[in-house]
Amino acid sequence: MTVLMKRSAVLAGLFLCSLMSISCATYQNKVAESRQHLELGQYQAAIDYLEPLANKEGGDQLVYLLDYSVALQMSGRIKDSSLALQKADRLADFQDYTSITKEATSLLLSQEMVQYKGDSFEKIYINAYAALNYLELNQLDEALVETRRMNEKYNKINHEDRKDFEKNVFGKYLSAMIWEANQNWDDAYIAYEETYKLDPTIPYLPADLIRSAKRARRMDSYKKWKKEFPQVVEKKEWYDKNYGELILIYEQGWGPRKAQIGGQGIYAGGYNPPILQPVYNSVLQMKATITGVGEFESQRIYDVERAAIETLQHDYAWLSAKRLGAFATKEIVADQIRQQNEALGNVAWLAMQLSERADLRQWSTLPQTVQLIRVPLQVGQYNVNLQGLVGGGGLSGDGKAYPEVKIQPQRATFLRWRTLR
């Protein structure tokens, strides 16, 4: 067999791979069943469905591991969820290093056949989610490890001069709360200040900056923030050794889902871009009733939906350029095949272009928003009842009870809740 014939055989194999990808179900179709199980509270069924996909090595393993970790967490298997996230974190790091050969080969394949790497805000959320798991297990030291890992990723992203919405403000704010819970006052202040630079609209931040600056003995900063936020009244409970804090973290609803514009086929020079479609969620907020203290409503600190949509929009230009390059590459490959067999070359060209459907992979079990309730409480035990709220403030019927929540002096107690409708 001549070298030219061998090359043609390889090229034909590539186009056949593309042809096979046309008939494959999209990622969104594959995980729809597991999401339905989660919504119905059938957590073990979701785990059974996702587990073999998450354990299968290949280009899609990372994205399945992410959804699998959420199913494990919601079933109460927090340690297993953390192990899945550790594996996902290592895999995301490894996949950041793509060889030139793989990058070149990817131009011939459907986008969904290329290794999934995850978006920047998703990569930080891996560690944020792992930190939440450890807080749920009351393992503060392990949560601090994830905090340091988030800081490493922030430094890398800042070096790359990425946009603020890619930096996942929730991860930064969570790290500040964890530093404060561990009485690392200076680290807490630095993280709160960095959070403020990313998103100054977070409602708790004015009090956080004043309190953490004073605790860190940064008196110039303390005076600056006091002047900046005259509406904030300092509470003696912030500094009283007979008080701790209850922090309720609420993950609300479903985040947006990727969909394909139009039908499968040739679009805009061979590029068929994905879009993100918001998911309707009836439960919009959380109300906490703390026996003997009062009622409190959650406040949004991170809009996952907005971050995901803005990240994708920011990537459109880069994605379009890459896929237009792929279109040209496929033209060359098809022409080389035509030189050996014109009919085969024409079929190869058509198959490779029809394979250019949108890449719909994403961490599909992320919430729509992350919300918080922060309440200073006197040391002791409390009964805490959580309820979902719909539009207009009515009760949704969703709820969770936490009996005998223990508040320790000068420490934060973290509780976590998720709704999926």
Protein backbone atom coordinates (compact mmCIF):
# COMPACT_ATOMS: atom_id res chain seq x y z
CA MET A 1 0.00 0.00 0.00
CA THR A 2 1.44 3.38 -1.02
CA VAL A 3 1.91 6.20 1.47
CA LEU A 4 -0.81 8.16 -0.32
CA MET A 5 -3.23 5.27 -0.08
CA LYS A 6 -2.46 4.86 3.64
CA ARG A 7 -3.09 8.53 4.17
CA SER A 8 -6.39 8.30 2.35
CA ALA A 9 -7.41 5.37 4.52
CA VAL A 10 -6.66 7.37 7.65
CA LEU A 11 -8.62 10.34 6.35
CA ALA A 12 -11.51 8.08 5.44
CA GLY A 13 -11.45 6.70 8.97
CA LEU A 14 -11.67 10.22 10.37
CA PHE A 15 -14.67 11.08 8.24
CA LEU A 16 -16.37 7.82 9.24
CA CYS A 17 -15.89 8.82 12.90
CA SER A 18 -17.59 12.10 12.10
CA LEU A 19 -20.37 10.26 10.30
CA MET A 20 -20.95 8.06 13.33
CA SER A 21 -21.14 11.13 15.57
CA ILE A 22 -24.09 12.47 13.58
CA SER A 23 -26.40 9.76 14.87
CA CYS A 24 -25.22 9.95 18.49
CA ALA A 25 -27.42 11.49 21.14
CA THR A 26 -26.29 14.83 22.51
CA TYR A 27 -24.96 15.15 26.04
CA GLN A 28 -28.13 16.93 27.13
CA ASN A 29 -30.25 14.02 25.93
CA LYS A 30 -27.99 11.55 27.71
CA VAL A 31 -28.26 13.21 31.13
CA ALA A 32 -31.93 14.23 30.93
CA GLU A 33 -33.01 10.99 32.61
CA SER A 34 -30.64 11.47 35.55
CA ARG A 35 -31.80 15.07 36.05
CA GLN A 36 -35.41 13.88 36.11
CA HIS A 37 -34.51 11.32 38.80
CA LEU A 38 -32.90 14.08 40.87
CA GLU A 39 -35.91 16.34 40.51
CA LEU A 40 -38.17 13.54 41.74
CA GLY A 41 -35.90 12.77 44.68
CA GLN A 42 -34.85 9.43 43.17
CA TYR A 43 -31.20 9.96 44.01
CA GLN A 44 -30.05 6.34 43.83
CA ALA A 45 -31.55 5.98 40.36
CA ALA A 46 -29.63 9.08 39.24
CA ILE A 47 -26.43 7.64 40.73
CA ASP A 48 -26.95 4.27 39.04
CA TYR A 49 -27.43 6.02 35.70
CA LEU A 50 -24.42 8.37 35.97
CA GLU A 51 -21.89 6.09 37.69
CA PRO A 52 -20.82 4.00 34.67
CA LEU A 53 -20.53 7.15 32.55
CA ALA A 54 -18.43 8.90 35.21
CA ASN A 55 -16.10 5.90 35.50
CA LYS A 56 -15.61 5.50 31.76
CA GLU A 57 -12.35 7.05 30.59
CA GLY A 58 -12.62 9.32 27.58
CA GLY A 59 -13.33 12.85 26.43
CA ASP A 60 -16.62 13.09 28.33
CA GLN A 61 -15.48 11.72 31.69
CA LEU A 62 -14.99 15.12 33.34
CA VAL A 63 -18.47 16.40 32.61
CA TYR A 64 -20.13 13.18 33.80
CA LEU A 65 -18.04 13.23 36.99
CA LEU A 66 -19.37 16.70 37.78
CA ASP A 67 -23.02 15.70 37.48
CA TYR A 68 -22.31 12.44 39.30
CA SER A 69 -20.79 14.33 42.25
CA VAL A 70 -24.01 16.33 42.65
CA ALA A 71 -26.16 13.18 42.62
CA LEU A 72 -23.95 11.67 45.32
CA GLN A 73 -24.15 14.81 47.47
CA MET A 74 -27.92 15.01 47.21
CA SER A 75 -28.22 11.35 48.22
CA GLY A 76 -26.26 12.07 51.39
CA ARG A 77 -23.05 10.36 50.21
CA ILE A 78 -20.96 13.45 50.88
CA LYS A 79 -17.57 11.70 51.14
CA ASP A 80 -18.13 9.88 47.84
CA SER A 81 -19.15 13.17 46.25
CA SER A 82 -15.88 14.73 47.43
CA LEU A 83 -13.88 11.84 45.98
CA ALA A 84 -15.60 12.31 42.62
CA LEU A 85 -14.79 16.03 42.73
CA GLN A 86 -11.14 15.31 43.55
CA LYS A 87 -10.96 13.09 40.48
CA ALA A 88 -12.69 15.77 38.39
CA ASP A 89 -10.28 18.44 39.64
CA ARG A 90 -7.25 16.35 38.67
CA LEU A 91 -8.77 15.56 35.29
CA ALA A 92 -9.56 19.22 34.59
CA ASP A 93 -5.95 20.13 35.35
CA PHE A 94 -4.63 17.36 33.10
CA GLN A 95 -6.90 18.33 30.23
CA ASP A 96 -5.67 21.91 30.32
CA TYR A 97 -2.53 20.61 28.66
CA THR A 98 -3.58 19.66 25.13
CA SER A 99 -0.91 18.51 22.71
CA ILE A 100 -0.55 20.22 19.34
CA THR A 101 -1.41 16.92 17.66
CA LYS A 102 -4.70 16.59 19.55
CA GLU A 103 -5.57 20.23 18.86
CA ALA A 104 -4.95 19.75 15.15
CA THR A 105 -6.93 16.49 15.04
CA SER A 106 -9.85 18.19 16.78
CA LEU A 107 -10.36 20.35 13.69
CA LEU A 108 -11.51 17.24 11.83
CA LEU A 109 -13.95 16.05 14.47
CA SER A 110 -17.31 17.09 15.79
CA GLN A 111 -16.97 19.48 18.74
CA GLU A 112 -18.62 16.88 20.97
CA MET A 113 -15.87 14.38 20.11
CA VAL A 114 -13.13 16.67 21.44
CA GLN A 115 -12.05 16.29 25.06
CA TYR A 116 -14.20 18.34 27.46
CA LYS A 117 -12.19 20.78 29.58
CA GLY A 118 -14.84 22.79 31.43
CA ASP A 119 -15.34 26.55 31.66
CA SER A 120 -13.28 28.68 34.05
CA PHE A 121 -16.15 29.33 36.45
CA GLU A 122 -16.97 25.60 36.46
CA LYS A 123 -13.39 24.72 37.41
CA ILE A 124 -13.52 27.04 40.42
CA TYR A 125 -16.96 25.70 41.34
CA ILE A 126 -15.42 22.21 41.59
CA ASN A 127 -13.45 23.36 44.62
CA ALA A 128 -16.29 25.49 45.96
CA TYR A 129 -18.60 22.47 45.82
CA ALA A 130 -15.96 20.30 47.48
CA ALA A 131 -15.55 22.92 50.22
CA LEU A 132 -19.32 22.90 50.77
CA ASN A 133 -19.16 19.13 51.13
CA TYR A 134 -16.50 19.40 53.82
CA LEU A 135 -18.42 22.13 55.63
CA GLU A 136 -21.44 19.83 55.57
CA LEU A 137 -19.25 17.18 57.24
CA ASN A 138 -17.91 19.79 59.70
CA GLN A 139 -14.39 19.26 58.36
CA LEU A 140 -13.05 22.80 58.33
CA ASP A 141 -9.41 21.86 57.68
CA GLU A 142 -10.37 20.02 54.48
CA ALA A 143 -12.53 22.98 53.43
CA LEU A 144 -9.50 25.23 53.92
CA VAL A 145 -7.52 23.01 51.52
CA GLU A 146 -10.17 23.64 48.85
CA THR A 147 -10.00 27.36 49.67
CA ARG A 148 -6.28 27.38 48.94
CA ARG A 149 -6.92 25.46 45.72
CA MET A 150 -9.45 28.10 44.66
CA ASN A 151 -6.91 30.83 45.34
CA GLU A 152 -4.38 29.05 43.09
CA LYS A 153 -6.93 29.01 40.29
CA TYR A 154 -7.79 32.68 40.83
CA ASN A 155 -4.12 33.58 40.52
CA LYS A 156 -3.89 31.65 37.26
CA ILE A 157 -7.04 33.25 35.85
CA ASN A 158 -5.90 36.74 36.88
CA HIS A 159 -2.58 36.11 35.14
CA GLU A 160 -4.52 35.23 31.99
CA ASP A 161 -6.52 38.47 32.34
CA ARG A 162 -9.87 36.70 32.16
CA LYS A 163 -13.19 38.49 32.63
CA ASP A 164 -14.72 38.92 36.10
CA PHE A 165 -17.76 36.76 35.32
CA GLU A 166 -15.40 33.83 34.62
CA LYS A 167 -13.85 34.07 38.08
CA ASN A 168 -16.84 32.72 40.04
CA VAL A 169 -17.44 35.28 42.78
CA PHE A 170 -19.12 32.63 44.92
CA GLY A 171 -15.85 30.75 45.22
CA LYS A 172 -14.06 33.87 46.41
CA TYR A 173 -16.81 34.80 48.88
CA LEU A 174 -16.98 31.23 50.20
CA SER A 175 -13.24 31.24 50.78
CA ALA A 176 -13.61 34.48 52.78
CA MET A 177 -16.27 32.91 55.00
CA ILE A 178 -14.13 29.82 55.56
CA TRP A 179 -11.07 31.88 56.48
CA GLU A 180 -13.22 33.83 58.93
CA ALA A 181 -14.72 30.65 60.39
CA ASN A 182 -11.16 29.48 61.08
CA GLN A 183 -10.31 32.85 62.67
CA ASN A 184 -7.77 33.65 59.96
CA TRP A 185 -8.80 37.27 60.17
CA ASP A 186 -6.31 38.77 57.73
CA ASP A 187 -6.90 36.15 55.04
CA ALA A 188 -10.65 36.65 55.51
CA TYR A 189 -10.34 40.41 55.04
CA ILE A 190 -8.23 40.01 51.88
CA ALA A 191 -10.78 37.58 50.40
CA TYR A 192 -13.73 39.86 51.25
CA GLU A 193 -11.94 42.79 49.64
CA GLU A 194 -11.22 40.74 46.50
CA THR A 195 -14.86 39.68 46.41
CA TYR A 196 -15.91 43.33 46.56
CA LYS A 197 -13.73 44.07 43.53
CA LEU A 198 -15.45 41.26 41.61
CA ASP A 199 -19.00 42.12 42.67
CA PRO A 200 -19.70 45.06 45.01
CA THR A 201 -23.46 44.35 44.97
CA ILE A 202 -23.38 41.36 47.34
CA PRO A 203 -25.61 42.60 50.19
CA TYR A 204 -23.53 41.20 53.08
CA LEU A 205 -20.23 42.70 51.92
CA PRO A 206 -20.41 46.15 53.58
CA ALA A 207 -20.73 44.54 57.03
CA ASP A 208 -18.17 41.87 56.10
CA LEU A 209 -15.55 44.44 55.12
CA ILE A 210 -16.02 46.51 58.27
CA ARG A 211 -16.05 43.50 60.60
CA SER A 212 -13.11 41.67 59.00
CA ALA A 213 -10.96 44.83 58.74
CA LYS A 214 -11.43 45.47 62.46
CA ARG A 215 -10.71 41.86 63.37
CA ALA A 216 -7.58 41.89 61.20
CA ARG A 217 -6.52 45.13 62.91
CA ARG A 218 -6.35 46.92 59.59
CA MET A 219 -7.55 50.17 61.10
CA ASP A 220 -6.99 52.34 58.03
CA SER A 221 -9.16 49.96 56.00
CA TYR A 222 -11.69 49.79 58.84
CA LYS A 223 -12.05 53.59 58.85
CA LYS A 224 -12.28 53.67 55.06
CA TRP A 225 -15.13 51.17 54.96
CA LYS A 226 -16.93 52.85 57.86
CA LYS A 227 -16.90 56.04 55.83
CA GLU A 228 -17.86 54.20 52.64
CA PHE A 229 -20.86 52.47 54.27
CA PRO A 230 -22.35 54.84 56.87
CA GLN A 231 -25.60 52.86 56.78
CA VAL A 232 -23.96 49.81 58.38
CA VAL A 233 -24.46 49.64 62.13
CA GLU A 234 -21.81 47.56 63.84
CA LYS A 235 -23.20 44.83 66.08
CA LYS A 236 -21.61 43.88 69.36
CA GLU A 237 -22.41 40.26 68.50
CA TRP A 238 -19.71 40.37 65.79
CA TYR A 239 -16.98 40.60 68.39
CA ASP A 240 -18.64 39.08 71.48
CA LYS A 241 -17.11 35.76 72.57
CA ASN A 242 -20.56 34.60 73.67
CA TYR A 243 -21.77 34.66 70.06
CA GLY A 244 -21.16 32.64 66.93
CA GLU A 245 -22.74 32.76 63.49
CA LEU A 246 -25.17 30.62 61.52
CA ILE A 247 -24.52 30.61 57.76
CA LEU A 248 -27.21 29.03 55.59
CA ILE A 249 -26.18 28.31 52.00
CA TYR A 250 -29.03 27.81 49.56
CA GLU A 251 -28.47 26.45 46.04
CA GLN A 252 -31.59 27.46 44.16
CA GLY A 253 -33.02 25.67 41.16
CA TRP A 254 -31.50 24.54 37.88
CA GLY A 255 -28.95 26.56 35.96
CA PRO A 256 -29.32 27.20 32.21
CA ARG A 257 -28.93 24.37 29.70
CA LYS A 258 -27.14 24.32 26.41
CA ALA A 259 -29.16 23.90 23.24
CA GLN A 260 -28.43 23.94 19.54
CA ILE A 261 -29.46 26.81 17.29
CA GLY A 262 -31.59 25.45 14.47
CA GLY A 263 -31.29 21.87 13.31
CA GLN A 264 -28.28 19.68 12.76
CA GLY A 265 -26.35 20.51 9.64
CA ILE A 266 -24.25 23.14 7.94
CA TYR A 267 -24.66 26.53 9.62
CA ALA A 268 -22.66 29.73 9.20
CA GLY A 269 -19.77 28.19 7.28
CA GLY A 270 -19.82 24.89 9.12
CA TYR A 271 -20.16 26.30 12.65
CA ASN A 272 -23.30 25.53 14.62
CA PRO A 273 -22.93 27.42 17.93
CA PRO A 274 -24.65 26.43 21.19
CA ILE A 275 -26.89 28.74 23.17
CA LEU A 276 -27.81 28.66 26.85
CA GLN A 277 -31.49 28.57 27.66
CA PRO A 278 -32.69 29.52 31.18
CA VAL A 279 -34.69 26.84 33.00
CA TYR A 280 -37.95 27.78 34.69
CA ASN A 281 -37.72 27.37 38.46
CA SER A 282 -40.80 27.84 40.63
CA VAL A 283 -38.88 27.95 43.94
CA LEU A 284 -37.00 31.25 43.99
CA GLN A 285 -35.88 31.88 47.55
CA MET A 286 -35.49 30.34 51.00
CA LYS A 287 -37.01 31.32 54.34
CA ALA A 288 -35.36 30.21 57.57
CA THR A 289 -37.21 30.07 60.85
CA ILE A 290 -34.90 29.93 63.87
CA THR A 291 -36.83 28.99 67.00
CA GLY A 292 -36.76 31.77 69.55
CA VAL A 293 -34.97 34.17 67.20
CA GLY A 294 -37.11 34.95 64.14
CA GLU A 295 -37.54 34.51 60.40
CA PHE A 296 -35.01 35.38 57.70
CA GLU A 297 -35.05 35.32 53.89
CA SER A 298 -32.10 34.40 51.71
CA GLN A 299 -30.23 36.92 49.59
CA ARG A 300 -28.53 36.16 46.30
CA ILE A 301 -24.74 36.30 46.21
CA TYR A 302 -24.00 34.52 42.91
CA ASP A 303 -25.96 34.23 39.68
CA VAL A 304 -24.74 31.02 38.03
CA GLU A 305 -27.11 31.50 35.11
CA ARG A 306 -25.66 34.90 34.28
CA ALA A 307 -22.05 33.72 34.66
CA ALA A 308 -22.66 30.75 32.34
CA ILE A 309 -24.40 32.83 29.67
CA GLU A 310 -21.80 35.63 29.72
CA THR A 311 -18.95 33.11 29.58
CA LEU A 312 -20.44 31.44 26.50
CA GLN A 313 -21.11 34.78 24.81
CA HIS A 314 -17.53 35.84 25.50
CA ASP A 315 -16.29 32.62 23.88
CA TYR A 316 -18.37 32.97 20.69
CA ALA A 317 -15.70 34.82 18.72
CA TRP A 318 -12.99 32.31 19.66
CA LEU A 319 -15.28 29.33 18.99
CA SER A 320 -16.35 30.73 15.62
CA ALA A 321 -12.76 31.30 14.53
CA LYS A 322 -11.77 27.79 15.56
CA ARG A 323 -14.68 26.10 13.83
CA LEU A 324 -14.24 28.16 10.66
CA GLY A 325 -10.65 26.92 10.66
CA ALA A 326 -12.03 23.40 11.04
CA PHE A 327 -14.32 24.01 8.04
CA ALA A 328 -11.30 24.89 5.89
CA THR A 329 -9.31 21.92 7.19
CA LYS A 330 -12.12 19.54 6.30
CA GLU A 331 -12.25 20.99 2.80
CA ILE A 332 -8.58 20.08 2.35
CA VAL A 333 -9.07 16.57 3.76
CA ALA A 334 -12.08 15.92 1.54
CA ASP A 335 -10.14 17.12 -1.50
CA GLN A 336 -7.30 14.70 -0.73
CA ILE A 337 -9.78 11.84 -0.54
CA ARG A 338 -11.40 12.98 -3.81
CA GLN A 339 -8.05 12.64 -5.54
CA GLN A 340 -8.21 8.89 -4.82
CA ASN A 341 -11.97 8.43 -5.01
CA GLU A 342 -14.23 11.32 -6.00
CA ALA A 343 -17.45 9.79 -4.67
CA LEU A 344 -15.83 8.90 -1.35
CA GLY A 345 -14.38 12.41 -1.10
CA ASN A 346 -17.81 13.98 -1.63
CA VAL A 347 -19.38 11.74 0.99
CA ALA A 348 -16.54 12.52 3.39
CA TRP A 349 -17.01 16.26 2.92
CA LEU A 350 -20.77 16.02 3.54
CA ALA A 351 -20.36 13.78 6.59
CA MET A 352 -17.75 16.00 8.20
CA GLN A 353 -19.83 19.13 7.69
CA LEU A 354 -23.03 17.51 8.94
CA SER A 355 -21.16 16.46 12.07
CA GLU A 356 -20.66 20.12 13.00
CA ARG A 357 -23.40 20.30 15.58
CA ALA A 358 -23.11 22.37 18.74
CA ASP A 359 -21.17 21.07 21.73
CA LEU A 360 -23.87 20.82 24.42
CA ARG A 361 -21.67 19.54 27.23
CA GLN A 362 -21.70 21.44 30.52
CA TRP A 363 -21.96 20.88 34.27
CA SER A 364 -25.71 20.55 33.93
CA THR A 365 -26.63 20.16 37.61
CA LEU A 366 -25.36 23.56 38.75
CA PRO A 367 -27.96 25.79 40.47
CA GLN A 368 -29.50 28.90 38.99
CA THR A 369 -28.31 31.04 41.91
CA VAL A 370 -26.49 30.69 45.22
CA GLN A 371 -28.12 32.51 48.13
CA LEU A 372 -27.21 33.09 51.77
CA ILE A 373 -28.61 33.85 55.19
CA ARG A 374 -26.08 34.99 57.81
CA VAL A 375 -27.26 35.38 61.40
CA PRO A 376 -25.14 36.06 64.53
CA LEU A 377 -26.47 33.89 67.36
CA GLN A 378 -25.71 33.46 71.02
CA VAL A 379 -23.83 30.28 71.86
CA GLY A 380 -26.28 27.39 72.29
CA GLN A 381 -28.57 25.05 70.35
CA TYR A 382 -31.34 26.05 67.95
CA ASN A 383 -33.98 24.42 65.81
CA VAL A 384 -33.81 25.67 62.23
CA ASN A 385 -36.56 25.10 59.67
CA LEU A 386 -36.05 25.95 55.99
CA GLN A 387 -38.87 26.53 53.51
CA GLY A 388 -38.94 27.36 49.82
CA LEU A 389 -40.59 30.53 48.58
CA VAL A 390 -42.25 31.10 45.21
CA GLY A 391 -42.91 34.40 43.49
CA GLY A 392 -44.75 36.83 45.76
CA GLY A 393 -43.31 35.21 48.87
CA GLY A 394 -45.71 32.26 49.11
CA LEU A 395 -44.55 28.92 50.48
CA SER A 396 -43.60 26.33 47.87
CA GLY A 397 -44.16 23.25 50.04
CA ASP A 398 -40.46 22.35 49.96
CA GLY A 399 -38.70 22.27 53.28
CA LYS A 400 -35.98 20.86 55.48
CA ALA A 401 -35.59 20.78 59.26
CA TYR A 402 -32.33 20.96 61.22
CA PRO A 403 -32.96 20.16 64.90
CA GLU A 404 -30.48 21.13 67.61
CA VAL A 405 -28.06 23.16 65.52
CA LYS A 406 -25.06 23.96 67.70
CA ILE A 407 -23.56 27.46 67.72
CA GLN A 408 -20.04 27.75 69.09
CA PRO A 409 -18.26 30.88 70.37
CA GLN A 410 -16.67 32.99 67.63
CA ARG A 411 -17.26 30.21 65.10
CA ALA A 412 -19.48 29.80 62.06
CA THR A 413 -21.89 26.89 61.68
CA PHE A 414 -22.70 26.10 58.04
CA LEU A 415 -25.93 24.50 56.81
CA ARG A 416 -26.75 23.74 53.19
CA TRP A 417 -29.94 23.19 51.19
CA ARG A 418 -30.85 22.68 47.52
CA THR A 419 -34.14 22.83 45.66
CA LEU A 420 -34.66 21.46 42.14
CA ARG A 421 -37.91 22.84 40.87
